[in-house]
Amino acid sequence: MDINSMSVPELRRLQTRVANEILRRNDVAKKVLLRKMKKMAEEEGLSFDEVIGEASQSASGESKPEKQTRKRGPKPNLKKGSKLPLKYFHPENPEMGWSGHGRKPQWIIDWLAQDKPLELLEKKIPEAA
């Protein structure tokens, strides 16, 4: 099959066929794997539901006293609609800001178009004495 000689509509049909085949093979692979996992659980004298129930408890952290994880700082609340703290501030109006995530405001685009470094707009925190 020479895709270089195919027209755009033919390529789109091929793309659809490939995507459908990938989905079909993934479904078959999942079913085969599920059967194998159920058989392994039965060989150990357990029900599959027992194994899955224990795995979900481990994933939620209910019974992991032996494993200690490294503590990290607090993560920002990244729920949809939540606001991130502002990192860059308008040079003439410090009440206008941008978190550095998402679409750039026009004043940032204009600033960068003037070949000015973005770091000059970062909020300066006074150092503690």
C-alpha atoms as a PDB file:
ATOM      1  CA  MET A   1       0.000   0.000   0.000  1.00  0.00           C
ATOM      2  CA  ASP A   2       1.510   3.254  -1.145  1.00  0.00           C
ATOM      3  CA  ILE A   3      -0.066   6.065   0.867  1.00  0.00           C
ATOM      4  CA  ASN A   4       1.756   8.695  -1.187  1.00  0.00           C
ATOM      5  CA  SER A   5      -0.479   7.938  -4.166  1.00  0.00           C
ATOM      6  CA  MET A   6      -3.725   8.000  -2.148  1.00  0.00           C
ATOM      7  CA  SER A   7      -6.168  10.902  -2.306  1.00  0.00           C
ATOM      8  CA  VAL A   8      -7.201  12.814   0.825  1.00  0.00           C
ATOM      9  CA  PRO A   9     -10.630  11.093   1.023  1.00  0.00           C
ATOM     10  CA  GLU A  10      -8.927   7.688   0.678  1.00  0.00           C
ATOM     11  CA  LEU A  11      -6.476   8.621   3.443  1.00  0.00           C
ATOM     12  CA  ARG A  12      -9.366   9.677   5.703  1.00  0.00           C
ATOM     13  CA  ARG A  13     -11.148   6.366   5.109  1.00  0.00           C
ATOM     14  CA  LEU A  14      -7.913   4.559   5.905  1.00  0.00           C
ATOM     15  CA  GLN A  15      -7.476   6.650   9.045  1.00  0.00           C
ATOM     16  CA  THR A  16     -10.987   5.706  10.192  1.00  0.00           C
ATOM     17  CA  ARG A  17     -10.344   2.027   9.493  1.00  0.00           C
ATOM     18  CA  VAL A  18      -7.064   2.151  11.436  1.00  0.00           C
ATOM     19  CA  ALA A  19      -8.677   3.901  14.410  1.00  0.00           C
ATOM     20  CA  ASN A  20     -11.526   1.349  14.456  1.00  0.00           C
ATOM     21  CA  GLU A  21      -9.079  -1.551  14.252  1.00  0.00           C
ATOM     22  CA  ILE A  22      -7.040  -0.146  17.165  1.00  0.00           C
ATOM     23  CA  LEU A  23     -10.204   0.132  19.281  1.00  0.00           C
ATOM     24  CA  ARG A  24     -11.252  -3.412  18.355  1.00  0.00           C
ATOM     25  CA  ARG A  25      -7.842  -4.877  19.211  1.00  0.00           C
ATOM     26  CA  ASN A  26      -7.747  -2.991  22.523  1.00  0.00           C
ATOM     27  CA  ASP A  27     -11.158  -4.435  23.428  1.00  0.00           C
ATOM     28  CA  VAL A  28     -10.017  -7.956  22.558  1.00  0.00           C
ATOM     29  CA  ALA A  29      -6.786  -7.507  24.533  1.00  0.00           C
ATOM     30  CA  LYS A  30      -8.732  -6.277  27.580  1.00  0.00           C
ATOM     31  CA  LYS A  31     -11.088  -9.270  27.460  1.00  0.00           C
ATOM     32  CA  VAL A  32      -8.199 -11.718  27.160  1.00  0.00           C
ATOM     33  CA  LEU A  33      -6.345 -10.039  30.017  1.00  0.00           C
ATOM     34  CA  LEU A  34      -9.453 -10.020  32.194  1.00  0.00           C
ATOM     35  CA  ARG A  35      -9.920 -13.769  31.632  1.00  0.00           C
ATOM     36  CA  LYS A  36      -6.260 -14.406  32.542  1.00  0.00           C
ATOM     37  CA  MET A  37      -6.542 -12.308  35.707  1.00  0.00           C
ATOM     38  CA  LYS A  38      -9.717 -14.139  36.793  1.00  0.00           C
ATOM     39  CA  LYS A  39      -7.992 -17.492  36.206  1.00  0.00           C
ATOM     40  CA  MET A  40      -4.945 -16.387  38.234  1.00  0.00           C
ATOM     41  CA  ALA A  41      -7.180 -15.286  41.117  1.00  0.00           C
ATOM     42  CA  GLU A  42      -9.022 -18.639  41.064  1.00  0.00           C
ATOM     43  CA  GLU A  43      -5.701 -20.518  41.105  1.00  0.00           C
ATOM     44  CA  GLU A  44      -4.819 -18.645  44.307  1.00  0.00           C
ATOM     45  CA  GLY A  45      -8.192 -19.426  45.847  1.00  0.00           C
ATOM     46  CA  LEU A  46      -9.460 -15.867  45.622  1.00  0.00           C
ATOM     47  CA  SER A  47     -12.329 -14.293  43.792  1.00  0.00           C
ATOM     48  CA  PHE A  48     -11.505 -11.681  41.215  1.00  0.00           C
ATOM     49  CA  ASP A  49     -13.676  -9.171  43.100  1.00  0.00           C
ATOM     50  CA  GLU A  50     -11.595  -9.706  46.259  1.00  0.00           C
ATOM     51  CA  VAL A  51      -8.384  -9.006  44.366  1.00  0.00           C
ATOM     52  CA  ILE A  52      -9.797  -5.912  42.684  1.00  0.00           C
ATOM     53  CA  GLY A  53     -11.270  -4.660  45.980  1.00  0.00           C
ATOM     54  CA  GLU A  54      -7.891  -4.946  47.704  1.00  0.00           C
ATOM     55  CA  ALA A  55      -6.148  -3.263  44.790  1.00  0.00           C
ATOM     56  CA  SER A  56      -8.535  -0.305  44.892  1.00  0.00           C
ATOM     57  CA  GLN A  57      -8.035   0.071  48.657  1.00  0.00           C
ATOM     58  CA  SER A  58      -4.270   0.091  48.133  1.00  0.00           C
ATOM     59  CA  ALA A  59      -4.621   2.694  45.408  1.00  0.00           C
ATOM     60  CA  SER A  60      -6.672   4.949  47.685  1.00  0.00           C
ATOM     61  CA  GLY A  61      -4.056   4.672  50.442  1.00  0.00           C
ATOM     62  CA  GLU A  62      -6.283   2.992  53.052  1.00  0.00           C
ATOM     63  CA  SER A  63      -3.864   0.244  54.054  1.00  0.00           C
ATOM     64  CA  LYS A  64      -0.274   1.198  53.241  1.00  0.00           C
ATOM     65  CA  PRO A  65       1.503   1.500  56.569  1.00  0.00           C
ATOM     66  CA  GLU A  66       4.757  -0.058  55.305  1.00  0.00           C
ATOM     67  CA  LYS A  67       5.271   2.314  52.388  1.00  0.00           C
ATOM     68  CA  GLN A  68       6.401   5.827  53.156  1.00  0.00           C
ATOM     69  CA  THR A  69       6.335   8.476  50.501  1.00  0.00           C
ATOM     70  CA  ARG A  70       8.411  11.606  50.266  1.00  0.00           C
ATOM     71  CA  LYS A  71       6.453  14.643  51.365  1.00  0.00           C
ATOM     72  CA  ARG A  72       6.249  17.457  48.902  1.00  0.00           C
ATOM     73  CA  GLY A  73       4.939  20.952  49.214  1.00  0.00           C
ATOM     74  CA  PRO A  74       1.263  21.682  48.794  1.00  0.00           C
ATOM     75  CA  LYS A  75      -0.049  21.322  45.285  1.00  0.00           C
ATOM     76  CA  PRO A  76      -2.011  24.179  43.804  1.00  0.00           C
ATOM     77  CA  ASN A  77      -5.719  23.582  43.404  1.00  0.00           C
ATOM     78  CA  LEU A  78      -5.986  22.868  39.680  1.00  0.00           C
ATOM     79  CA  LYS A  79      -9.708  22.174  39.483  1.00  0.00           C
ATOM     80  CA  LYS A  80     -11.404  23.593  36.424  1.00  0.00           C
ATOM     81  CA  GLY A  81     -12.383  27.157  37.100  1.00  0.00           C
ATOM     82  CA  SER A  82      -9.988  27.623  40.008  1.00  0.00           C
ATOM     83  CA  LYS A  83      -7.571  30.519  39.805  1.00  0.00           C
ATOM     84  CA  LEU A  84      -3.818  30.110  39.841  1.00  0.00           C
ATOM     85  CA  PRO A  85      -1.706  32.747  41.569  1.00  0.00           C
ATOM     86  CA  LEU A  86      -0.530  35.521  39.297  1.00  0.00           C
ATOM     87  CA  LYS A  87       3.111  35.395  38.270  1.00  0.00           C
ATOM     88  CA  TYR A  88       3.445  38.198  35.719  1.00  0.00           C
ATOM     89  CA  PHE A  89       2.132  41.728  36.145  1.00  0.00           C
ATOM     90  CA  HIS A  90       1.369  44.513  33.682  1.00  0.00           C
ATOM     91  CA  PRO A  91       4.180  47.118  33.810  1.00  0.00           C
ATOM     92  CA  GLU A  92       1.795  50.085  34.013  1.00  0.00           C
ATOM     93  CA  ASN A  93      -1.163  48.528  35.834  1.00  0.00           C
ATOM     94  CA  PRO A  94      -0.016  45.974  38.461  1.00  0.00           C
ATOM     95  CA  GLU A  95      -3.628  44.933  39.070  1.00  0.00           C
ATOM     96  CA  MET A  96      -3.556  43.197  35.675  1.00  0.00           C
ATOM     97  CA  GLY A  97      -1.733  39.901  35.821  1.00  0.00           C
ATOM     98  CA  TRP A  98      -1.226  36.509  34.210  1.00  0.00           C
ATOM     99  CA  SER A  99      -0.507  33.176  35.918  1.00  0.00           C
ATOM    100  CA  GLY A 100       1.756  31.947  33.127  1.00  0.00           C
ATOM    101  CA  HIS A 101      -0.729  29.217  32.206  1.00  0.00           C
ATOM    102  CA  GLY A 102      -3.271  29.216  29.439  1.00  0.00           C
ATOM    103  CA  ARG A 103      -3.699  31.790  26.727  1.00  0.00           C
ATOM    104  CA  LYS A 104      -1.384  34.783  26.897  1.00  0.00           C
ATOM    105  CA  PRO A 105      -3.120  38.127  27.366  1.00  0.00           C
ATOM    106  CA  GLN A 106      -2.611  40.675  24.603  1.00  0.00           C
ATOM    107  CA  TRP A 107      -0.372  42.866  26.759  1.00  0.00           C
ATOM    108  CA  ILE A 108       2.017  39.894  27.252  1.00  0.00           C
ATOM    109  CA  ILE A 109       2.021  39.244  23.499  1.00  0.00           C
ATOM    110  CA  ASP A 110       2.781  42.938  22.862  1.00  0.00           C
ATOM    111  CA  TRP A 111       5.549  42.883  25.477  1.00  0.00           C
ATOM    112  CA  LEU A 112       7.206  39.842  23.903  1.00  0.00           C
ATOM    113  CA  ALA A 113       6.822  41.352  20.405  1.00  0.00           C
ATOM    114  CA  GLN A 114       9.069  44.206  21.593  1.00  0.00           C
ATOM    115  CA  ASP A 115      11.774  41.588  22.398  1.00  0.00           C
ATOM    116  CA  LYS A 116      11.490  42.303  26.102  1.00  0.00           C
ATOM    117  CA  PRO A 117      12.119  39.375  28.487  1.00  0.00           C
ATOM    118  CA  LEU A 118       9.105  37.963  30.307  1.00  0.00           C
ATOM    119  CA  GLU A 119      11.146  37.808  33.534  1.00  0.00           C
ATOM    120  CA  LEU A 120      10.928  41.604  33.852  1.00  0.00           C
ATOM    121  CA  LEU A 121       7.195  41.217  34.486  1.00  0.00           C
ATOM    122  CA  GLU A 122       7.569  38.718  37.325  1.00  0.00           C
ATOM    123  CA  LYS A 123       6.351  39.807  40.713  1.00  0.00           C
ATOM    124  CA  LYS A 124       9.268  40.803  42.884  1.00  0.00           C
ATOM    125  CA  ILE A 125       8.910  39.583  46.456  1.00  0.00           C
ATOM    126  CA  PRO A 126      10.879  41.649  48.987  1.00  0.00           C
ATOM    127  CA  GLU A 127      13.489  39.526  50.709  1.00  0.00           C
ATOM    128  CA  ALA A 128      12.997  38.919  54.423  1.00  0.00           C
ATOM    129  CA  ALA A 129      15.633  40.456  56.630  1.00  0.00           C
END
